[in-house]
């Protein structure tokens, strides 16, 4: 699992309402690191997190 997919999984779990300490335990990271990843996506505002997840799922990828 690369860093981008791990970050997306963390953001998705936070958007679902899971607490930072729980997400940190599931991905085997420090709570502070999980918080920083979430904060970059809009945490603790769950609406911003949901929009970030929605945008990632609906992003159009151009074939190279």
PDB file of N, CA and C in Angstrom:
ATOM      1  N   UNK A   1       0.857  -1.172   0.000  1.00  0.00           N
ATOM      2  CA  UNK A   1       0.000   0.000   0.000  1.00  0.00           C
ATOM      3  C   UNK A   1       0.903   1.235   0.000  1.00  0.00           C
ATOM      4  N   UNK A   2       0.723   2.083  -1.002  1.00  0.00           N
ATOM      5  CA  UNK A   2       1.567   3.272  -1.050  1.00  0.00           C
ATOM      6  C   UNK A   2       1.010   4.362  -0.137  1.00  0.00           C
ATOM      7  N   UNK A   3       1.759   5.427  -0.001  1.00  0.00           N
ATOM      8  CA  UNK A   3       1.397   6.490   0.928  1.00  0.00           C
ATOM      9  C   UNK A   3       0.072   7.148   0.565  1.00  0.00           C
ATOM     10  N   UNK A   4      -0.182   7.340  -0.722  1.00  0.00           N
ATOM     11  CA  UNK A   4      -1.403   8.009  -1.139  1.00  0.00           C
ATOM     12  C   UNK A   4      -2.635   7.183  -0.786  1.00  0.00           C
ATOM     13  N   UNK A   5      -2.598   5.887  -1.012  1.00  0.00           N
ATOM     14  CA  UNK A   5      -3.760   5.054  -0.682  1.00  0.00           C
ATOM     15  C   UNK A   5      -3.941   4.952   0.828  1.00  0.00           C
ATOM     16  N   UNK A   6      -2.852   4.942   1.575  1.00  0.00           N
ATOM     17  CA  UNK A   6      -2.946   4.922   3.038  1.00  0.00           C
ATOM     18  C   UNK A   6      -3.569   6.219   3.540  1.00  0.00           C
ATOM     19  N   UNK A   7      -3.149   7.344   2.970  1.00  0.00           N
ATOM     20  CA  UNK A   7      -3.721   8.633   3.356  1.00  0.00           C
ATOM     21  C   UNK A   7      -5.204   8.673   3.038  1.00  0.00           C
ATOM     22  N   UNK A   8      -5.590   8.164   1.882  1.00  0.00           N
ATOM     23  CA  UNK A   8      -6.997   8.167   1.491  1.00  0.00           C
ATOM     24  C   UNK A   8      -7.823   7.286   2.424  1.00  0.00           C
ATOM     25  N   UNK A   9      -7.252   6.148   2.835  1.00  0.00           N
ATOM     26  CA  UNK A   9      -7.949   5.272   3.765  1.00  0.00           C
ATOM     27  C   UNK A   9      -8.141   5.974   5.105  1.00  0.00           C
ATOM     28  N   UNK A  10      -7.120   6.686   5.572  1.00  0.00           N
ATOM     29  CA  UNK A  10      -7.208   7.425   6.834  1.00  0.00           C
ATOM     30  C   UNK A  10      -8.290   8.488   6.739  1.00  0.00           C
ATOM     31  N   UNK A  11      -8.305   9.233   5.655  1.00  0.00           N
ATOM     32  CA  UNK A  11      -9.306  10.291   5.472  1.00  0.00           C
ATOM     33  C   UNK A  11     -10.703   9.691   5.426  1.00  0.00           C
ATOM     34  N   UNK A  12     -10.862   8.565   4.739  1.00  0.00           N
ATOM     35  CA  UNK A  12     -12.164   7.906   4.654  1.00  0.00           C
ATOM     36  C   UNK A  12     -12.633   7.453   6.029  1.00  0.00           C
ATOM     37  N   UNK A  13     -11.735   6.862   6.801  1.00  0.00           N
ATOM     38  CA  UNK A  13     -12.112   6.390   8.139  1.00  0.00           C
ATOM     39  C   UNK A  13     -12.488   7.550   9.047  1.00  0.00           C
ATOM     40  N   UNK A  14     -11.767   8.663   8.957  1.00  0.00           N
ATOM     41  CA  UNK A  14     -12.109   9.828   9.764  1.00  0.00           C
ATOM     42  C   UNK A  14     -13.453  10.407   9.324  1.00  0.00           C
ATOM     43  N   UNK A  15     -13.712  10.424   8.014  1.00  0.00           N
ATOM     44  CA  UNK A  15     -14.976  10.941   7.494  1.00  0.00           C
ATOM     45  C   UNK A  15     -16.153  10.081   7.943  1.00  0.00           C
ATOM     46  N   UNK A  16     -15.911   8.791   8.148  1.00  0.00           N
ATOM     47  CA  UNK A  16     -16.958   7.885   8.622  1.00  0.00           C
ATOM     48  C   UNK A  16     -17.265   8.100  10.099  1.00  0.00           C
ATOM     49  N   UNK A  17     -16.452   8.894  10.777  1.00  0.00           N
ATOM     50  CA  UNK A  17     -16.704   9.206  12.182  1.00  0.00           C
ATOM     51  C   UNK A  17     -15.839   8.459  13.166  1.00  0.00           C
ATOM     52  N   UNK A  18     -14.874   7.698  12.680  1.00  0.00           N
ATOM     53  CA  UNK A  18     -13.978   6.978  13.585  1.00  0.00           C
ATOM     54  C   UNK A  18     -13.037   7.970  14.268  1.00  0.00           C
ATOM     55  N   UNK A  19     -12.772   7.782  15.579  1.00  0.00           N
ATOM     56  CA  UNK A  19     -11.861   8.681  16.282  1.00  0.00           C
ATOM     57  C   UNK A  19     -10.411   8.503  15.819  1.00  0.00           C
ATOM     58  N   UNK A  20      -9.621   9.536  16.001  1.00  0.00           N
ATOM     59  CA  UNK A  20      -8.221   9.529  15.561  1.00  0.00           C
ATOM     60  C   UNK A  20      -7.461   8.358  16.177  1.00  0.00           C
ATOM     61  N   UNK A  21      -7.646   8.112  17.469  1.00  0.00           N
ATOM     62  CA  UNK A  21      -6.899   7.039  18.131  1.00  0.00           C
ATOM     63  C   UNK A  21      -7.236   5.675  17.528  1.00  0.00           C
ATOM     64  N   UNK A  22      -8.493   5.483  17.124  1.00  0.00           N
ATOM     65  CA  UNK A  22      -8.908   4.218  16.523  1.00  0.00           C
ATOM     66  C   UNK A  22      -8.261   4.039  15.148  1.00  0.00           C
ATOM     67  N   UNK A  23      -8.317   5.096  14.337  1.00  0.00           N
ATOM     68  CA  UNK A  23      -7.712   5.040  13.002  1.00  0.00           C
ATOM     69  C   UNK A  23      -6.217   4.781  13.125  1.00  0.00           C
ATOM     70  N   UNK A  24      -5.566   5.461  14.072  1.00  0.00           N
ATOM     71  CA  UNK A  24      -4.126   5.274  14.280  1.00  0.00           C
ATOM     72  C   UNK A  24      -3.808   3.819  14.609  1.00  0.00           C
ATOM     73  N   UNK A  25      -4.627   3.189  15.428  1.00  0.00           N
ATOM     74  CA  UNK A  25      -4.416   1.786  15.767  1.00  0.00           C
ATOM     75  C   UNK A  25      -4.614   0.865  14.574  1.00  0.00           C
ATOM     76  N   UNK A  26      -5.601   1.186  13.736  1.00  0.00           N
ATOM     77  CA  UNK A  26      -5.895   0.337  12.572  1.00  0.00           C
ATOM     78  C   UNK A  26      -4.797   0.408  11.515  1.00  0.00           C
ATOM     79  N   UNK A  27      -4.170   1.586  11.354  1.00  0.00           N
ATOM     80  CA  UNK A  27      -3.140   1.731  10.320  1.00  0.00           C
ATOM     81  C   UNK A  27      -1.731   1.694  10.897  1.00  0.00           C
ATOM     82  N   UNK A  28      -1.633   1.429  12.218  1.00  0.00           N
ATOM     83  CA  UNK A  28      -0.351   1.299  12.893  1.00  0.00           C
ATOM     84  C   UNK A  28       0.515   2.556  12.734  1.00  0.00           C
ATOM     85  N   UNK A  29      -0.084   3.707  13.046  1.00  0.00           N
ATOM     86  CA  UNK A  29       0.627   4.987  13.015  1.00  0.00           C
ATOM     87  C   UNK A  29       0.383   5.712  14.333  1.00  0.00           C
ATOM     88  N   UNK A  30       1.162   6.746  14.572  1.00  0.00           N
ATOM     89  CA  UNK A  30       0.945   7.570  15.756  1.00  0.00           C
ATOM     90  C   UNK A  30      -0.307   8.429  15.550  1.00  0.00           C
ATOM     91  N   UNK A  31      -1.026   8.696  16.620  1.00  0.00           N
ATOM     92  CA  UNK A  31      -2.244   9.509  16.545  1.00  0.00           C
ATOM     93  C   UNK A  31      -1.961  10.882  15.962  1.00  0.00           C
ATOM     94  N   UNK A  32      -0.824  11.456  16.303  1.00  0.00           N
ATOM     95  CA  UNK A  32      -0.476  12.785  15.805  1.00  0.00           C
ATOM     96  C   UNK A  32      -0.329  12.781  14.282  1.00  0.00           C
ATOM     97  N   UNK A  33       0.289  11.742  13.748  1.00  0.00           N
ATOM     98  CA  UNK A  33       0.453  11.655  12.291  1.00  0.00           C
ATOM     99  C   UNK A  33      -0.892  11.503  11.591  1.00  0.00           C
ATOM    100  N   UNK A  34      -1.777  10.700  12.167  1.00  0.00           N
ATOM    101  CA  UNK A  34      -3.121  10.532  11.605  1.00  0.00           C
ATOM    102  C   UNK A  34      -3.862  11.860  11.654  1.00  0.00           C
ATOM    103  N   UNK A  35      -3.723  12.582  12.771  1.00  0.00           N
ATOM    104  CA  UNK A  35      -4.389  13.873  12.907  1.00  0.00           C
ATOM    105  C   UNK A  35      -3.899  14.850  11.837  1.00  0.00           C
ATOM    106  N   UNK A  36      -2.593  14.880  11.577  1.00  0.00           N
ATOM    107  CA  UNK A  36      -2.055  15.796  10.573  1.00  0.00           C
ATOM    108  C   UNK A  36      -2.563  15.468   9.171  1.00  0.00           C
ATOM    109  N   UNK A  37      -2.660  14.184   8.848  1.00  0.00           N
ATOM    110  CA  UNK A  37      -3.197  13.780   7.543  1.00  0.00           C
ATOM    111  C   UNK A  37      -4.649  14.211   7.435  1.00  0.00           C
ATOM    112  N   UNK A  38      -5.413  13.980   8.497  1.00  0.00           N
ATOM    113  CA  UNK A  38      -6.810  14.388   8.507  1.00  0.00           C
ATOM    114  C   UNK A  38      -6.975  15.891   8.442  1.00  0.00           C
ATOM    115  N   UNK A  39      -6.134  16.604   9.163  1.00  0.00           N
ATOM    116  CA  UNK A  39      -6.211  18.062   9.185  1.00  0.00           C
ATOM    117  C   UNK A  39      -5.950  18.644   7.798  1.00  0.00           C
ATOM    118  N   UNK A  40      -5.066  18.052   7.037  1.00  0.00           N
ATOM    119  CA  UNK A  40      -4.780  18.522   5.684  1.00  0.00           C
ATOM    120  C   UNK A  40      -5.999  18.370   4.776  1.00  0.00           C
ATOM    121  N   UNK A  41      -6.892  17.420   5.117  1.00  0.00           N
ATOM    122  CA  UNK A  41      -8.099  17.188   4.313  1.00  0.00           C
ATOM    123  C   UNK A  41      -9.322  17.878   4.904  1.00  0.00           C
ATOM    124  N   UNK A  42      -9.150  18.600   6.013  1.00  0.00           N
ATOM    125  CA  UNK A  42     -10.258  19.340   6.585  1.00  0.00           C
ATOM    126  C   UNK A  42     -10.730  18.879   7.950  1.00  0.00           C
ATOM    127  N   UNK A  43     -10.093  17.873   8.534  1.00  0.00           N
ATOM    128  CA  UNK A  43     -10.472  17.409   9.868  1.00  0.00           C
ATOM    129  C   UNK A  43     -10.271  18.537  10.859  1.00  0.00           C
ATOM    130  N   UNK A  44     -11.123  18.784  11.812  1.00  0.00           N
ATOM    131  CA  UNK A  44     -12.226  17.971  12.307  1.00  0.00           C
ATOM    132  C   UNK A  44     -13.582  18.265  11.654  1.00  0.00           C
ATOM    133  N   UNK A  45     -13.628  19.060  10.609  1.00  0.00           N
ATOM    134  CA  UNK A  45     -14.885  19.333   9.905  1.00  0.00           C
ATOM    135  C   UNK A  45     -15.246  18.127   9.038  1.00  0.00           C
ATOM    136  N   UNK A  46     -16.207  17.340   9.495  1.00  0.00           N
ATOM    137  CA  UNK A  46     -16.557  16.099   8.797  1.00  0.00           C
ATOM    138  C   UNK A  46     -17.135  16.356   7.407  1.00  0.00           C
ATOM    139  N   UNK A  47     -17.774  17.505   7.215  1.00  0.00           N
ATOM    140  CA  UNK A  47     -18.311  17.830   5.885  1.00  0.00           C
ATOM    141  C   UNK A  47     -17.170  18.004   4.880  1.00  0.00           C
ATOM    142  N   UNK A  48     -16.090  18.662   5.294  1.00  0.00           N
ATOM    143  CA  UNK A  48     -14.926  18.823   4.409  1.00  0.00           C
ATOM    144  C   UNK A  48     -14.290  17.466   4.103  1.00  0.00           C
ATOM    145  N   UNK A  49     -14.228  16.604   5.112  1.00  0.00           N
ATOM    146  CA  UNK A  49     -13.664  15.272   4.901  1.00  0.00           C
ATOM    147  C   UNK A  49     -14.504  14.485   3.903  1.00  0.00           C
ATOM    148  N   UNK A  50     -15.822  14.549   4.040  1.00  0.00           N
ATOM    149  CA  UNK A  50     -16.691  13.826   3.102  1.00  0.00           C
ATOM    150  C   UNK A  50     -16.518  14.349   1.687  1.00  0.00           C
ATOM    151  N   UNK A  51     -16.376  15.675   1.545  1.00  0.00           N
ATOM    152  CA  UNK A  51     -16.147  16.250   0.212  1.00  0.00           C
ATOM    153  C   UNK A  51     -14.819  15.782  -0.353  1.00  0.00           C
ATOM    154  N   UNK A  52     -13.791  15.668   0.485  1.00  0.00           N
ATOM    155  CA  UNK A  52     -12.482  15.205   0.021  1.00  0.00           C
ATOM    156  C   UNK A  52     -12.572  13.749  -0.450  1.00  0.00           C
ATOM    157  N   UNK A  53     -13.313  12.922   0.283  1.00  0.00           N
ATOM    158  CA  UNK A  53     -13.490  11.524  -0.115  1.00  0.00           C
ATOM    159  C   UNK A  53     -14.277  11.456  -1.422  1.00  0.00           C
ATOM    160  N   UNK A  54     -15.352  12.233  -1.517  1.00  0.00           N
ATOM    161  CA  UNK A  54     -16.178  12.243  -2.726  1.00  0.00           C
ATOM    162  C   UNK A  54     -15.358  12.683  -3.933  1.00  0.00           C
ATOM    163  N   UNK A  55     -14.551  13.726  -3.761  1.00  0.00           N
ATOM    164  CA  UNK A  55     -13.731  14.238  -4.866  1.00  0.00           C
ATOM    165  C   UNK A  55     -12.725  13.185  -5.329  1.00  0.00           C
ATOM    166  N   UNK A  56     -12.144  12.454  -4.400  1.00  0.00           N
ATOM    167  CA  UNK A  56     -11.173  11.423  -4.770  1.00  0.00           C
ATOM    168  C   UNK A  56     -11.854  10.282  -5.525  1.00  0.00           C
ATOM    169  N   UNK A  57     -13.035   9.892  -5.086  1.00  0.00           N
ATOM    170  CA  UNK A  57     -13.749   8.797  -5.753  1.00  0.00           C
ATOM    171  C   UNK A  57     -14.213   9.193  -7.141  1.00  0.00           C
ATOM    172  N   UNK A  58     -14.506  10.467  -7.354  1.00  0.00           N
ATOM    173  CA  UNK A  58     -15.059  10.919  -8.632  1.00  0.00           C
ATOM    174  C   UNK A  58     -14.032  11.626  -9.510  1.00  0.00           C
ATOM    175  N   UNK A  59     -12.778  11.541  -9.132  1.00  0.00           N
ATOM    176  CA  UNK A  59     -11.717  12.166  -9.933  1.00  0.00           C
ATOM    177  C   UNK A  59     -11.569  11.416 -11.250  1.00  0.00           C
ATOM    178  N   UNK A  60     -11.464  12.164 -12.315  1.00  0.00           N
ATOM    179  CA  UNK A  60     -11.269  11.581 -13.639  1.00  0.00           C
ATOM    180  C   UNK A  60      -9.774  11.383 -13.870  1.00  0.00           C
ATOM    181  N   UNK A  61      -9.421  10.183 -14.257  1.00  0.00           N
ATOM    182  CA  UNK A  61      -7.999   9.914 -14.511  1.00  0.00           C
ATOM    183  C   UNK A  61      -7.790   9.834 -16.014  1.00  0.00           C
ATOM    184  N   UNK A  62      -6.784  10.544 -16.488  1.00  0.00           N
ATOM    185  CA  UNK A  62      -6.456  10.555 -17.901  1.00  0.00           C
ATOM    186  C   UNK A  62      -5.451   9.449 -18.172  1.00  0.00           C
ATOM    187  N   UNK A  63      -5.728   8.621 -19.151  1.00  0.00           N
ATOM    188  CA  UNK A  63      -4.803   7.544 -19.502  1.00  0.00           C
ATOM    189  C   UNK A  63      -3.528   8.128 -20.100  1.00  0.00           C
ATOM    190  N   UNK A  64      -2.399   7.612 -19.689  1.00  0.00           N
ATOM    191  CA  UNK A  64      -1.111   8.139 -20.166  1.00  0.00           C
ATOM    192  C   UNK A  64      -0.705   7.541 -21.472  1.00  0.00           C
TER     193      UNK A  64
END
